[in-house]
Amino acid sequence: MMAPEGFQCEACGRFFVRPEDLRGHDTAIHATPRTPLCLCSSCGGSFDSLFQLEDHRAAVHSGR
């Protein structure tokens, strides 16, 4: 779908400038099952990168 901000993914709402980027995103993120790389030992949450896991731990489990 073309929006003023670009092409929007109907599955997650993310915007892309070029339609081919949206297609690539859809294929990589939404069309194939992915195995998460990192699991949170506190809650079992799954993340695609160590950075995302560390960000999650800081936001959710740091006692803030």
C-alpha atoms as a PDB file:
ATOM      1  CA  MET A   1       0.000   0.000   0.000  1.00  0.00           C
ATOM      2  CA  MET A   2       1.409   3.426  -0.976  1.00  0.00           C
ATOM      3  CA  ALA A   3       1.187   6.046   1.767  1.00  0.00           C
ATOM      4  CA  PRO A   4       2.622   9.585   1.985  1.00  0.00           C
ATOM      5  CA  GLU A   5       5.556   8.139   3.955  1.00  0.00           C
ATOM      6  CA  GLY A   6       6.180   5.416   1.362  1.00  0.00           C
ATOM      7  CA  PHE A   7       5.029   1.823   1.053  1.00  0.00           C
ATOM      8  CA  GLN A   8       3.569   0.369   4.238  1.00  0.00           C
ATOM      9  CA  CYS A   9       3.754  -3.257   5.294  1.00  0.00           C
ATOM     10  CA  GLU A  10       0.221  -4.420   6.018  1.00  0.00           C
ATOM     11  CA  ALA A  11       1.477  -7.016   8.510  1.00  0.00           C
ATOM     12  CA  CYS A  12       3.507  -4.773  10.847  1.00  0.00           C
ATOM     13  CA  GLY A  13       3.022  -1.175   9.702  1.00  0.00           C
ATOM     14  CA  ARG A  14       6.658  -0.471   8.830  1.00  0.00           C
ATOM     15  CA  PHE A  15       7.247   1.962   5.941  1.00  0.00           C
ATOM     16  CA  PHE A  16       9.605   1.586   2.962  1.00  0.00           C
ATOM     17  CA  VAL A  17      10.604   4.094   0.300  1.00  0.00           C
ATOM     18  CA  ARG A  18      10.774   1.558  -2.535  1.00  0.00           C
ATOM     19  CA  PRO A  19       8.281  -1.221  -3.272  1.00  0.00           C
ATOM     20  CA  GLU A  20      11.081  -3.741  -3.774  1.00  0.00           C
ATOM     21  CA  ASP A  21      12.264  -3.050  -0.220  1.00  0.00           C
ATOM     22  CA  LEU A  22       8.766  -3.790   1.053  1.00  0.00           C
ATOM     23  CA  ARG A  23       8.701  -7.050  -0.926  1.00  0.00           C
ATOM     24  CA  GLY A  24      12.100  -8.061   0.458  1.00  0.00           C
ATOM     25  CA  HIS A  25      10.976  -7.226   3.993  1.00  0.00           C
ATOM     26  CA  ASP A  26       7.781  -9.224   3.558  1.00  0.00           C
ATOM     27  CA  THR A  27       9.705 -12.237   2.300  1.00  0.00           C
ATOM     28  CA  ALA A  28      12.418 -12.076   4.963  1.00  0.00           C
ATOM     29  CA  ILE A  29      10.259 -11.188   7.951  1.00  0.00           C
ATOM     30  CA  HIS A  30       6.714 -12.377   7.378  1.00  0.00           C
ATOM     31  CA  ALA A  31       6.802 -15.181   4.794  1.00  0.00           C
ATOM     32  CA  THR A  32       9.310 -17.584   6.302  1.00  0.00           C
ATOM     33  CA  PRO A  33       9.394 -19.055   9.785  1.00  0.00           C
ATOM     34  CA  ARG A  34      12.410 -17.734  11.654  1.00  0.00           C
ATOM     35  CA  THR A  35      14.291 -19.309  14.503  1.00  0.00           C
ATOM     36  CA  PRO A  36      15.139 -16.728  17.141  1.00  0.00           C
ATOM     37  CA  LEU A  37      18.820 -16.469  17.935  1.00  0.00           C
ATOM     38  CA  CYS A  38      18.566 -15.272  21.533  1.00  0.00           C
ATOM     39  CA  LEU A  39      16.230 -16.304  24.333  1.00  0.00           C
ATOM     40  CA  CYS A  40      15.678 -14.393  27.551  1.00  0.00           C
ATOM     41  CA  SER A  41      16.439 -16.662  30.498  1.00  0.00           C
ATOM     42  CA  SER A  42      14.099 -14.629  32.739  1.00  0.00           C
ATOM     43  CA  CYS A  43      10.874 -14.747  30.735  1.00  0.00           C
ATOM     44  CA  GLY A  44      11.515 -16.914  27.675  1.00  0.00           C
ATOM     45  CA  GLY A  45      11.145 -14.021  25.220  1.00  0.00           C
ATOM     46  CA  SER A  46      12.830 -14.592  21.876  1.00  0.00           C
ATOM     47  CA  PHE A  47      14.909 -12.076  19.935  1.00  0.00           C
ATOM     48  CA  ASP A  48      16.726 -11.981  16.620  1.00  0.00           C
ATOM     49  CA  SER A  49      19.897 -10.381  17.966  1.00  0.00           C
ATOM     50  CA  LEU A  50      21.900 -10.014  21.150  1.00  0.00           C
ATOM     51  CA  PHE A  51      21.323  -6.250  20.941  1.00  0.00           C
ATOM     52  CA  GLN A  52      17.553  -6.761  21.007  1.00  0.00           C
ATOM     53  CA  LEU A  53      17.860  -9.178  23.935  1.00  0.00           C
ATOM     54  CA  GLU A  54      20.032  -6.757  25.929  1.00  0.00           C
ATOM     55  CA  ASP A  55      17.629  -3.897  25.173  1.00  0.00           C
ATOM     56  CA  HIS A  56      14.737  -6.070  26.350  1.00  0.00           C
ATOM     57  CA  ARG A  57      16.546  -7.030  29.563  1.00  0.00           C
ATOM     58  CA  ALA A  58      17.332  -3.386  30.325  1.00  0.00           C
ATOM     59  CA  ALA A  59      13.741  -2.266  29.677  1.00  0.00           C
ATOM     60  CA  VAL A  60      11.851  -5.154  31.264  1.00  0.00           C
ATOM     61  CA  HIS A  61      14.037  -6.875  33.833  1.00  0.00           C
ATOM     62  CA  SER A  62      16.277  -4.158  35.265  1.00  0.00           C
ATOM     63  CA  GLY A  63      13.832  -3.169  38.001  1.00  0.00           C
ATOM     64  CA  ARG A  64      12.952   0.232  36.528  1.00  0.00           C
END
